[in-house]
N, C-alpha and C. Protein backbone atom coordinates (compact mmCIF):
# COMPACT_ATOMS: atom_id res chain seq x y z
N MET A 1 100.68 100.34 106.20
CA MET A 1 100.08 100.45 104.89
C MET A 1 100.18 99.10 104.18
N LEU A 2 99.11 98.68 103.55
CA LEU A 2 99.09 97.51 102.70
C LEU A 2 99.30 97.99 101.27
N ILE A 3 100.40 97.56 100.66
CA ILE A 3 100.75 97.98 99.31
C ILE A 3 100.58 96.78 98.39
N LEU A 4 99.59 96.87 97.51
CA LEU A 4 99.27 95.78 96.59
C LEU A 4 99.91 96.07 95.25
N VAL A 5 100.76 95.18 94.79
CA VAL A 5 101.49 95.36 93.53
C VAL A 5 101.02 94.29 92.56
N ARG A 6 100.52 94.72 91.40
CA ARG A 6 100.22 93.75 90.35
C ARG A 6 101.53 93.45 89.61
N HIS A 7 101.73 92.19 89.30
CA HIS A 7 102.95 91.77 88.59
C HIS A 7 103.11 92.54 87.28
N GLY A 8 104.33 92.54 86.77
CA GLY A 8 104.61 93.17 85.49
C GLY A 8 103.97 92.42 84.33
N GLU A 9 103.99 93.06 83.17
CA GLU A 9 103.38 92.47 81.97
C GLU A 9 103.99 91.11 81.65
N THR A 10 103.13 90.17 81.30
CA THR A 10 103.56 88.84 80.87
C THR A 10 103.31 88.66 79.38
N GLU A 11 103.81 87.58 78.85
CA GLU A 11 103.57 87.27 77.45
C GLU A 11 102.07 87.12 77.18
N ALA A 12 101.35 86.48 78.11
CA ALA A 12 99.90 86.30 77.94
C ALA A 12 99.16 87.63 78.02
N ASN A 13 99.59 88.52 78.94
CA ASN A 13 98.97 89.85 79.01
C ASN A 13 99.15 90.57 77.68
N ALA A 14 100.35 90.51 77.13
CA ALA A 14 100.63 91.20 75.87
C ALA A 14 99.79 90.63 74.73
N ALA A 15 99.45 89.33 74.82
CA ALA A 15 98.63 88.69 73.78
C ALA A 15 97.14 88.90 74.00
N GLY A 16 96.75 89.46 75.17
CA GLY A 16 95.35 89.76 75.44
C GLY A 16 94.49 88.55 75.79
N VAL A 17 95.10 87.56 76.44
CA VAL A 17 94.33 86.37 76.82
C VAL A 17 94.14 86.31 78.34
N LEU A 18 93.11 85.57 78.76
CA LEU A 18 92.86 85.36 80.18
C LEU A 18 94.02 84.56 80.76
N LEU A 19 94.53 85.03 81.87
CA LEU A 19 95.68 84.38 82.50
C LEU A 19 95.36 84.16 83.96
N GLY A 20 94.98 82.93 84.28
CA GLY A 20 94.65 82.58 85.65
C GLY A 20 95.77 81.81 86.30
N GLN A 21 95.61 80.50 86.39
CA GLN A 21 96.59 79.64 87.05
C GLN A 21 97.72 79.20 86.12
N THR A 22 97.58 79.46 84.83
CA THR A 22 98.62 79.10 83.87
C THR A 22 99.83 80.02 84.07
N GLU A 23 100.99 79.45 83.90
CA GLU A 23 102.22 80.25 84.04
C GLU A 23 102.52 80.98 82.73
N SER A 24 103.01 82.20 82.86
CA SER A 24 103.45 82.99 81.72
C SER A 24 104.54 83.93 82.24
N PRO A 25 105.73 83.91 81.65
CA PRO A 25 106.83 84.73 82.16
C PRO A 25 106.63 86.22 81.85
N LEU A 26 107.31 87.05 82.62
CA LEU A 26 107.31 88.48 82.35
C LEU A 26 107.99 88.75 81.02
N THR A 27 107.49 89.75 80.33
CA THR A 27 108.16 90.22 79.11
C THR A 27 109.29 91.15 79.51
N GLU A 28 110.09 91.54 78.55
CA GLU A 28 111.13 92.54 78.82
C GLU A 28 110.50 93.83 79.33
N HIS A 29 109.37 94.22 78.72
CA HIS A 29 108.65 95.41 79.18
C HIS A 29 108.18 95.21 80.63
N GLY A 30 107.69 94.03 80.96
CA GLY A 30 107.24 93.74 82.32
C GLY A 30 108.37 93.86 83.33
N ARG A 31 109.55 93.38 82.98
CA ARG A 31 110.70 93.51 83.89
C ARG A 31 111.09 94.98 84.06
N SER A 32 110.99 95.76 83.00
CA SER A 32 111.27 97.20 83.08
C SER A 32 110.25 97.90 83.97
N GLN A 33 108.97 97.51 83.83
CA GLN A 33 107.93 98.09 84.68
C GLN A 33 108.24 97.85 86.16
N VAL A 34 108.60 96.63 86.49
CA VAL A 34 108.85 96.27 87.89
C VAL A 34 110.06 97.03 88.43
N ALA A 35 111.09 97.17 87.62
CA ALA A 35 112.27 97.91 88.07
C ALA A 35 111.91 99.34 88.47
N SER A 36 110.94 99.94 87.76
CA SER A 36 110.55 101.31 88.09
C SER A 36 109.72 101.39 89.37
N LEU A 37 109.13 100.27 89.79
CA LEU A 37 108.32 100.26 91.01
C LEU A 37 109.16 100.12 92.27
N ALA A 38 110.31 99.48 92.16
CA ALA A 38 111.11 99.15 93.34
C ALA A 38 111.31 100.33 94.30
N PRO A 39 111.67 101.53 93.82
CA PRO A 39 111.88 102.63 94.78
C PRO A 39 110.61 103.04 95.52
N LEU A 40 109.44 102.75 94.95
CA LEU A 40 108.18 103.16 95.57
C LEU A 40 107.75 102.27 96.72
N VAL A 41 108.39 101.11 96.84
CA VAL A 41 108.01 100.19 97.91
C VAL A 41 109.18 99.89 98.85
N SER A 42 110.29 100.59 98.68
CA SER A 42 111.46 100.34 99.52
C SER A 42 111.11 100.62 100.98
N GLY A 43 111.75 99.88 101.86
CA GLY A 43 111.53 100.07 103.28
C GLY A 43 110.40 99.24 103.85
N ALA A 44 109.70 98.46 103.02
CA ALA A 44 108.62 97.62 103.53
C ALA A 44 109.18 96.57 104.49
N ARG A 45 108.40 96.22 105.49
CA ARG A 45 108.83 95.25 106.50
C ARG A 45 108.51 93.82 106.11
N ARG A 46 107.49 93.65 105.27
CA ARG A 46 107.10 92.30 104.83
C ARG A 46 106.84 92.31 103.34
N LEU A 47 107.09 91.16 102.72
CA LEU A 47 106.84 90.97 101.30
C LEU A 47 106.15 89.62 101.12
N ILE A 48 104.91 89.68 100.65
CA ILE A 48 104.10 88.49 100.44
C ILE A 48 103.85 88.37 98.94
N SER A 49 103.86 87.14 98.44
CA SER A 49 103.64 86.93 97.01
C SER A 49 102.68 85.78 96.78
N SER A 50 101.94 85.90 95.69
CA SER A 50 101.21 84.77 95.13
C SER A 50 102.24 83.69 94.79
N PRO A 51 101.82 82.43 94.76
CA PRO A 51 102.77 81.37 94.40
C PRO A 51 103.08 81.29 92.90
N LEU A 52 102.32 82.01 92.06
CA LEU A 52 102.53 81.92 90.62
C LEU A 52 103.83 82.61 90.21
N GLY A 53 104.49 82.06 89.22
CA GLY A 53 105.82 82.51 88.82
C GLY A 53 105.93 83.98 88.49
N ARG A 54 104.94 84.55 87.79
CA ARG A 54 105.02 85.96 87.41
C ARG A 54 105.00 86.87 88.64
N ALA A 55 104.29 86.47 89.68
CA ALA A 55 104.27 87.25 90.92
C ALA A 55 105.58 87.07 91.69
N ARG A 56 106.07 85.84 91.76
CA ARG A 56 107.34 85.59 92.45
C ARG A 56 108.49 86.32 91.76
N GLU A 57 108.49 86.33 90.43
CA GLU A 57 109.53 87.06 89.68
C GLU A 57 109.45 88.55 89.97
N THR A 58 108.24 89.07 90.03
CA THR A 58 108.05 90.49 90.35
C THR A 58 108.52 90.79 91.77
N ALA A 59 108.14 89.94 92.73
CA ALA A 59 108.53 90.14 94.13
C ALA A 59 110.05 90.15 94.27
N ALA A 60 110.72 89.21 93.62
CA ALA A 60 112.18 89.14 93.70
C ALA A 60 112.82 90.39 93.11
N ALA A 61 112.25 90.90 92.02
CA ALA A 61 112.83 92.08 91.36
C ALA A 61 112.64 93.36 92.17
N LEU A 62 111.71 93.35 93.13
CA LEU A 62 111.54 94.54 93.98
C LEU A 62 112.72 94.73 94.92
N ASP A 63 113.48 93.66 95.16
CA ASP A 63 114.74 93.73 95.91
C ASP A 63 114.56 94.42 97.26
N LEU A 64 113.61 93.93 98.06
CA LEU A 64 113.28 94.58 99.33
C LEU A 64 114.15 94.15 100.50
N ASP A 65 115.00 93.18 100.33
CA ASP A 65 115.89 92.74 101.40
C ASP A 65 115.11 92.18 102.59
N VAL A 66 113.97 91.57 102.30
CA VAL A 66 113.21 90.82 103.29
C VAL A 66 112.80 89.51 102.61
N PRO A 67 112.57 88.46 103.39
CA PRO A 67 112.19 87.20 102.75
C PRO A 67 110.83 87.31 102.08
N VAL A 68 110.66 86.59 100.99
CA VAL A 68 109.38 86.55 100.29
C VAL A 68 108.54 85.44 100.92
N GLU A 69 107.38 85.82 101.44
CA GLU A 69 106.43 84.85 102.01
C GLU A 69 105.42 84.50 100.92
N ILE A 70 105.20 83.23 100.69
CA ILE A 70 104.24 82.79 99.68
C ILE A 70 102.89 82.53 100.37
N ASP A 71 101.84 83.11 99.81
CA ASP A 71 100.50 82.92 100.35
C ASP A 71 99.57 82.56 99.20
N GLU A 72 99.07 81.34 99.21
CA GLU A 72 98.20 80.81 98.15
C GLU A 72 96.95 81.65 97.94
N ARG A 73 96.50 82.35 98.98
CA ARG A 73 95.26 83.12 98.88
C ARG A 73 95.38 84.28 97.90
N TRP A 74 96.61 84.68 97.56
CA TRP A 74 96.83 85.79 96.64
C TRP A 74 97.02 85.32 95.19
N ALA A 75 96.84 84.03 94.92
CA ALA A 75 96.94 83.51 93.54
C ALA A 75 95.80 84.08 92.69
N GLU A 76 96.02 84.16 91.41
CA GLU A 76 94.99 84.65 90.49
C GLU A 76 93.79 83.71 90.50
N ILE A 77 92.64 84.24 90.13
CA ILE A 77 91.43 83.43 90.02
C ILE A 77 91.68 82.29 89.02
N HIS A 78 91.04 81.18 89.27
CA HIS A 78 91.18 80.03 88.38
C HIS A 78 90.10 80.15 87.30
N TYR A 79 90.53 80.40 86.07
CA TYR A 79 89.59 80.55 84.95
C TYR A 79 89.15 79.20 84.37
N GLY A 80 89.71 78.11 84.86
CA GLY A 80 89.32 76.80 84.36
C GLY A 80 89.58 76.67 82.87
N GLU A 81 88.58 76.19 82.14
CA GLU A 81 88.72 75.97 80.70
C GLU A 81 88.87 77.26 79.91
N LEU A 82 88.58 78.40 80.53
CA LEU A 82 88.71 79.68 79.82
C LEU A 82 90.14 80.24 79.87
N ASP A 83 90.98 79.66 80.72
CA ASP A 83 92.36 80.12 80.83
C ASP A 83 93.05 80.01 79.47
N GLY A 84 93.69 81.09 79.07
CA GLY A 84 94.41 81.12 77.80
C GLY A 84 93.57 81.57 76.62
N HIS A 85 92.28 81.83 76.84
CA HIS A 85 91.40 82.30 75.77
C HIS A 85 91.33 83.82 75.79
N PRO A 86 91.22 84.46 74.63
CA PRO A 86 91.06 85.91 74.61
C PRO A 86 89.70 86.29 75.21
N LEU A 87 89.70 87.25 76.13
CA LEU A 87 88.45 87.71 76.74
C LEU A 87 87.51 88.22 75.66
N ALA A 88 88.05 88.95 74.69
CA ALA A 88 87.23 89.52 73.62
C ALA A 88 86.61 88.44 72.74
N GLY A 89 87.15 87.24 72.75
CA GLY A 89 86.63 86.17 71.91
C GLY A 89 85.59 85.29 72.58
N LEU A 90 85.26 85.57 73.86
CA LEU A 90 84.27 84.75 74.55
C LEU A 90 82.87 85.09 74.05
N PRO A 91 81.98 84.11 74.02
CA PRO A 91 80.60 84.38 73.57
C PRO A 91 79.94 85.47 74.42
N PRO A 92 79.23 86.39 73.79
CA PRO A 92 78.60 87.50 74.53
C PRO A 92 77.67 87.04 75.65
N GLU A 93 76.94 85.94 75.43
CA GLU A 93 76.01 85.47 76.47
C GLU A 93 76.76 84.96 77.70
N LEU A 94 77.93 84.34 77.48
CA LEU A 94 78.75 83.89 78.60
C LEU A 94 79.28 85.09 79.38
N LEU A 95 79.75 86.10 78.66
CA LEU A 95 80.25 87.31 79.33
C LEU A 95 79.15 88.01 80.12
N ARG A 96 77.95 88.08 79.58
CA ARG A 96 76.83 88.71 80.30
C ARG A 96 76.55 87.97 81.60
N GLU A 97 76.53 86.64 81.51
CA GLU A 97 76.26 85.84 82.71
C GLU A 97 77.37 86.04 83.75
N TRP A 98 78.62 86.01 83.29
CA TRP A 98 79.77 86.14 84.18
C TRP A 98 79.77 87.52 84.86
N ARG A 99 79.54 88.56 84.08
CA ARG A 99 79.55 89.92 84.64
C ARG A 99 78.35 90.19 85.54
N GLY A 100 77.26 89.46 85.34
CA GLY A 100 76.06 89.70 86.11
C GLY A 100 75.93 88.87 87.37
N ASP A 101 76.83 87.90 87.55
CA ASP A 101 76.69 86.98 88.67
C ASP A 101 78.05 86.64 89.26
N PRO A 102 78.39 87.18 90.45
CA PRO A 102 79.68 86.85 91.05
C PRO A 102 79.81 85.37 91.44
N GLY A 103 78.69 84.64 91.40
CA GLY A 103 78.71 83.21 91.67
C GLY A 103 78.90 82.37 90.41
N PHE A 104 79.06 83.04 89.25
CA PHE A 104 79.29 82.31 88.00
C PHE A 104 80.62 81.58 88.06
N ARG A 105 80.59 80.30 87.67
CA ARG A 105 81.81 79.50 87.67
C ARG A 105 82.17 79.13 86.24
N PRO A 106 83.32 79.63 85.74
CA PRO A 106 83.77 79.16 84.44
C PRO A 106 83.97 77.63 84.53
N PRO A 107 83.73 76.90 83.46
CA PRO A 107 83.89 75.44 83.52
C PRO A 107 85.25 75.05 84.10
N GLY A 108 85.23 74.34 85.22
CA GLY A 108 86.46 73.90 85.87
C GLY A 108 87.17 74.99 86.65
N GLY A 109 86.55 76.15 86.81
CA GLY A 109 87.22 77.28 87.45
C GLY A 109 86.65 77.67 88.80
N GLU A 110 86.87 78.92 89.14
CA GLU A 110 86.55 79.47 90.46
C GLU A 110 85.63 80.67 90.27
N THR A 111 84.74 80.91 91.22
CA THR A 111 83.84 82.06 91.15
C THR A 111 84.50 83.30 91.76
N LEU A 112 84.00 84.47 91.39
CA LEU A 112 84.47 85.71 92.02
C LEU A 112 84.16 85.71 93.52
N THR A 113 83.05 85.08 93.90
CA THR A 113 82.69 84.99 95.31
C THR A 113 83.73 84.17 96.08
N GLU A 114 84.15 83.05 95.51
CA GLU A 114 85.18 82.23 96.17
C GLU A 114 86.50 82.98 96.27
N LEU A 115 86.88 83.63 95.18
CA LEU A 115 88.10 84.44 95.20
C LEU A 115 87.99 85.53 96.26
N GLY A 116 86.86 86.23 96.28
CA GLY A 116 86.67 87.30 97.25
C GLY A 116 86.79 86.82 98.68
N ARG A 117 86.27 85.65 98.95
CA ARG A 117 86.33 85.09 100.31
C ARG A 117 87.77 84.84 100.74
N ARG A 118 88.57 84.22 99.87
CA ARG A 118 89.96 83.92 100.26
C ARG A 118 90.79 85.19 100.40
N VAL A 119 90.54 86.17 99.53
CA VAL A 119 91.31 87.43 99.62
C VAL A 119 90.88 88.22 100.86
N ARG A 120 89.59 88.28 101.14
CA ARG A 120 89.14 88.97 102.36
C ARG A 120 89.76 88.34 103.60
N ASP A 121 89.84 87.01 103.63
CA ASP A 121 90.48 86.34 104.77
C ASP A 121 91.93 86.78 104.92
N ALA A 122 92.65 86.85 103.81
CA ALA A 122 94.06 87.28 103.84
C ALA A 122 94.16 88.73 104.31
N CYS A 123 93.28 89.60 103.81
CA CYS A 123 93.30 91.01 104.20
C CYS A 123 92.97 91.19 105.68
N GLU A 124 91.95 90.49 106.15
CA GLU A 124 91.57 90.58 107.56
C GLU A 124 92.72 90.13 108.46
N GLU A 125 93.41 89.09 108.05
CA GLU A 125 94.56 88.60 108.83
C GLU A 125 95.65 89.67 108.89
N LEU A 126 95.97 90.28 107.77
CA LEU A 126 96.99 91.32 107.76
C LEU A 126 96.55 92.53 108.59
N PHE A 127 95.29 92.89 108.47
CA PHE A 127 94.77 94.03 109.24
C PHE A 127 94.85 93.74 110.73
N ALA A 128 94.53 92.51 111.14
CA ALA A 128 94.58 92.13 112.57
C ALA A 128 96.00 92.13 113.12
N GLN A 129 97.00 91.91 112.26
CA GLN A 129 98.39 91.84 112.71
C GLN A 129 99.06 93.20 112.87
N ARG A 130 98.44 94.27 112.39
CA ARG A 130 99.09 95.58 112.46
C ARG A 130 99.36 95.95 113.92
N GLY A 131 100.53 96.53 114.14
CA GLY A 131 100.90 96.97 115.48
C GLY A 131 101.28 95.85 116.43
N GLN A 132 101.46 94.64 115.92
CA GLN A 132 101.79 93.50 116.79
C GLN A 132 103.24 93.07 116.58
N GLY A 133 104.15 93.97 116.78
CA GLY A 133 105.56 93.62 116.66
C GLY A 133 106.03 93.61 115.23
N ALA A 134 107.13 92.90 114.99
CA ALA A 134 107.82 92.95 113.70
C ALA A 134 106.93 92.54 112.53
N ARG A 135 106.05 91.56 112.70
CA ARG A 135 105.22 91.11 111.58
C ARG A 135 104.12 92.10 111.25
N GLY A 136 103.72 92.93 112.20
CA GLY A 136 102.60 93.83 111.96
C GLY A 136 102.96 95.29 111.82
N ASP A 137 104.22 95.63 112.07
CA ASP A 137 104.62 97.03 111.99
C ASP A 137 105.12 97.36 110.59
N GLY A 138 104.86 98.58 110.15
CA GLY A 138 105.37 99.04 108.87
C GLY A 138 104.55 98.57 107.68
N ASP A 139 105.05 98.90 106.50
CA ASP A 139 104.35 98.58 105.26
C ASP A 139 104.47 97.09 104.93
N VAL A 140 103.38 96.55 104.38
CA VAL A 140 103.34 95.18 103.89
C VAL A 140 103.09 95.24 102.39
N VAL A 141 104.00 94.67 101.62
CA VAL A 141 103.83 94.61 100.17
C VAL A 141 103.31 93.23 99.80
N VAL A 142 102.23 93.20 99.02
CA VAL A 142 101.69 91.95 98.50
C VAL A 142 101.75 92.02 96.98
N VAL A 143 102.45 91.07 96.38
CA VAL A 143 102.53 90.99 94.92
C VAL A 143 101.52 89.95 94.46
N SER A 144 100.59 90.40 93.63
CA SER A 144 99.49 89.52 93.25
C SER A 144 99.06 89.80 91.81
N HIS A 145 97.78 89.65 91.56
CA HIS A 145 97.22 89.65 90.21
C HIS A 145 95.99 90.53 90.16
N VAL A 146 95.46 90.71 88.96
CA VAL A 146 94.35 91.63 88.76
C VAL A 146 93.14 91.30 89.63
N SER A 147 92.67 90.06 89.61
CA SER A 147 91.43 89.73 90.32
C SER A 147 91.58 89.77 91.84
N PRO A 148 92.66 89.22 92.43
CA PRO A 148 92.79 89.34 93.88
C PRO A 148 92.95 90.80 94.35
N ILE A 149 93.63 91.62 93.59
CA ILE A 149 93.78 93.02 94.00
C ILE A 149 92.43 93.73 93.93
N LYS A 150 91.65 93.45 92.90
CA LYS A 150 90.30 94.02 92.84
C LYS A 150 89.46 93.54 94.02
N ALA A 151 89.61 92.27 94.41
CA ALA A 151 88.88 91.74 95.56
C ALA A 151 89.32 92.44 96.85
N ALA A 152 90.61 92.76 96.97
CA ALA A 152 91.10 93.49 98.15
C ALA A 152 90.54 94.91 98.17
N VAL A 153 90.40 95.53 97.01
CA VAL A 153 89.78 96.86 96.94
C VAL A 153 88.31 96.78 97.36
N ALA A 154 87.61 95.75 96.91
CA ALA A 154 86.22 95.56 97.33
C ALA A 154 86.14 95.42 98.84
N TRP A 155 87.07 94.66 99.43
CA TRP A 155 87.14 94.51 100.89
C TRP A 155 87.34 95.87 101.55
N ALA A 156 88.31 96.64 101.04
CA ALA A 156 88.61 97.95 101.65
C ALA A 156 87.42 98.90 101.57
N LEU A 157 86.66 98.80 100.50
CA LEU A 157 85.51 99.70 100.30
C LEU A 157 84.22 99.17 100.92
N GLY A 158 84.25 97.93 101.42
CA GLY A 158 83.04 97.32 101.93
C GLY A 158 82.04 97.04 100.84
N ALA A 159 82.55 96.77 99.63
CA ALA A 159 81.70 96.53 98.46
C ALA A 159 81.63 95.03 98.18
N GLY A 160 80.70 94.65 97.31
CA GLY A 160 80.56 93.25 96.92
C GLY A 160 81.51 92.86 95.81
N ASP A 161 81.60 91.58 95.58
CA ASP A 161 82.53 91.05 94.58
C ASP A 161 82.21 91.49 93.16
N GLU A 162 80.97 91.90 92.91
CA GLU A 162 80.57 92.32 91.56
C GLU A 162 81.28 93.60 91.12
N ILE A 163 81.88 94.34 92.06
CA ILE A 163 82.59 95.58 91.71
C ILE A 163 83.78 95.30 90.80
N SER A 164 84.27 94.07 90.82
CA SER A 164 85.46 93.70 90.05
C SER A 164 85.36 94.11 88.58
N TRP A 165 84.19 93.94 87.98
CA TRP A 165 84.02 94.24 86.57
C TRP A 165 84.01 95.74 86.29
N ARG A 166 83.95 96.56 87.32
CA ARG A 166 83.91 98.02 87.14
C ARG A 166 85.25 98.68 87.46
N LEU A 167 86.27 97.88 87.65
CA LEU A 167 87.60 98.39 87.97
C LEU A 167 88.59 97.97 86.89
N HIS A 168 89.47 98.87 86.55
CA HIS A 168 90.57 98.54 85.62
C HIS A 168 91.87 98.61 86.41
N LEU A 169 92.68 97.57 86.29
CA LEU A 169 93.95 97.51 87.01
C LEU A 169 95.06 97.16 86.02
N SER A 170 96.01 98.06 85.88
CA SER A 170 97.11 97.87 84.93
C SER A 170 98.18 96.95 85.50
N THR A 171 98.97 96.36 84.59
CA THR A 171 100.13 95.60 85.05
C THR A 171 101.09 96.56 85.73
N ALA A 172 101.85 96.02 86.67
CA ALA A 172 102.86 96.80 87.42
C ALA A 172 102.26 98.06 88.03
N SER A 173 101.06 97.93 88.57
CA SER A 173 100.43 99.07 89.25
C SER A 173 100.50 98.86 90.75
N ILE A 174 100.33 99.97 91.46
CA ILE A 174 100.35 99.95 92.93
C ILE A 174 99.00 100.45 93.44
N THR A 175 98.47 99.72 94.39
CA THR A 175 97.24 100.11 95.10
C THR A 175 97.60 100.13 96.58
N ARG A 176 97.24 101.22 97.26
CA ARG A 176 97.60 101.36 98.68
C ARG A 176 96.34 101.41 99.54
N VAL A 177 96.34 100.59 100.58
CA VAL A 177 95.25 100.55 101.55
C VAL A 177 95.84 100.86 102.91
N ALA A 178 95.38 101.94 103.53
CA ALA A 178 95.88 102.33 104.85
C ALA A 178 95.20 101.51 105.94
N TRP A 179 95.90 101.41 107.07
CA TRP A 179 95.34 100.74 108.23
C TRP A 179 94.56 101.80 109.02
N GLY A 180 93.29 101.97 108.74
CA GLY A 180 92.48 102.93 109.48
C GLY A 180 92.18 102.44 110.88
N VAL A 181 91.68 103.31 111.73
CA VAL A 181 91.38 102.95 113.11
C VAL A 181 90.29 101.88 113.17
N ASP A 182 89.25 102.06 112.39
CA ASP A 182 88.10 101.15 112.43
C ASP A 182 88.05 100.20 111.24
N GLY A 183 88.96 100.33 110.32
CA GLY A 183 88.93 99.48 109.13
C GLY A 183 89.87 100.01 108.07
N PRO A 184 89.90 99.34 106.94
CA PRO A 184 90.79 99.75 105.86
C PRO A 184 90.31 101.04 105.18
N VAL A 185 91.28 101.77 104.64
CA VAL A 185 90.99 103.01 103.91
C VAL A 185 91.76 102.96 102.59
N LEU A 186 91.03 102.97 101.47
CA LEU A 186 91.69 102.97 100.16
C LEU A 186 92.32 104.32 99.93
N ARG A 187 93.65 104.36 99.77
CA ARG A 187 94.37 105.61 99.58
C ARG A 187 94.72 105.87 98.13
N VAL A 188 95.15 104.82 97.41
CA VAL A 188 95.58 104.95 96.01
C VAL A 188 95.14 103.69 95.27
N PHE A 189 94.64 103.88 94.05
CA PHE A 189 94.25 102.73 93.24
C PHE A 189 94.89 102.84 91.86
N ASN A 190 95.52 101.75 91.41
CA ASN A 190 96.03 101.63 90.04
C ASN A 190 97.04 102.71 89.68
N ASP A 191 97.95 103.00 90.58
CA ASP A 191 99.00 103.98 90.30
C ASP A 191 100.07 103.31 89.42
N THR A 192 100.37 103.93 88.30
CA THR A 192 101.38 103.37 87.38
C THR A 192 102.41 104.42 87.04
N LEU A 193 103.55 103.92 86.63
CA LEU A 193 104.64 104.79 86.19
C LEU A 193 104.99 104.45 84.75
N PRO A 194 105.43 105.39 83.98
CA PRO A 194 105.91 105.02 82.64
C PRO A 194 107.17 104.19 82.75
N ALA A 195 107.26 103.16 81.94
CA ALA A 195 108.46 102.32 81.97
C ALA A 195 109.09 102.26 80.59
């Protein structure tokens, strides 16, 4: 099973701003959220994390007793000049263009298509490793961010990158993708616990 964990709430999440490559620490509430997730992912054989601090902090707090592997492909989308801006405060015409075109690039940032490509590559690699000894057996936990997890769901469903705007993913949520015989199978999306 591929278990995708979104990091706990950060200061930027609480403020309602876009948080891409900028660092923002977990809030006290975020740390509490992560503590409640730990029992749900215990026993995993591998733990992979985005290189960003909020994901690494979340991965460490899961206390899985396995080394944390850092994989750059699970980093949040690069919002470029929009990083740190409130989504609600962006001009409506910019939002329309962004939501209507997965190839839209925020100034200095990354497109949903580019993000989708790197996440699909990471997912395909994990899927290919299943059943191949210690690295491929058992559950794999990946601690990441809203956009990469949505991209992984698109991969599992065989959908395009534009699906991202139609999905809501909470902080400290769990999404589970099973290793099906012929491909991935989405089992659970955006499962959250009260913290």
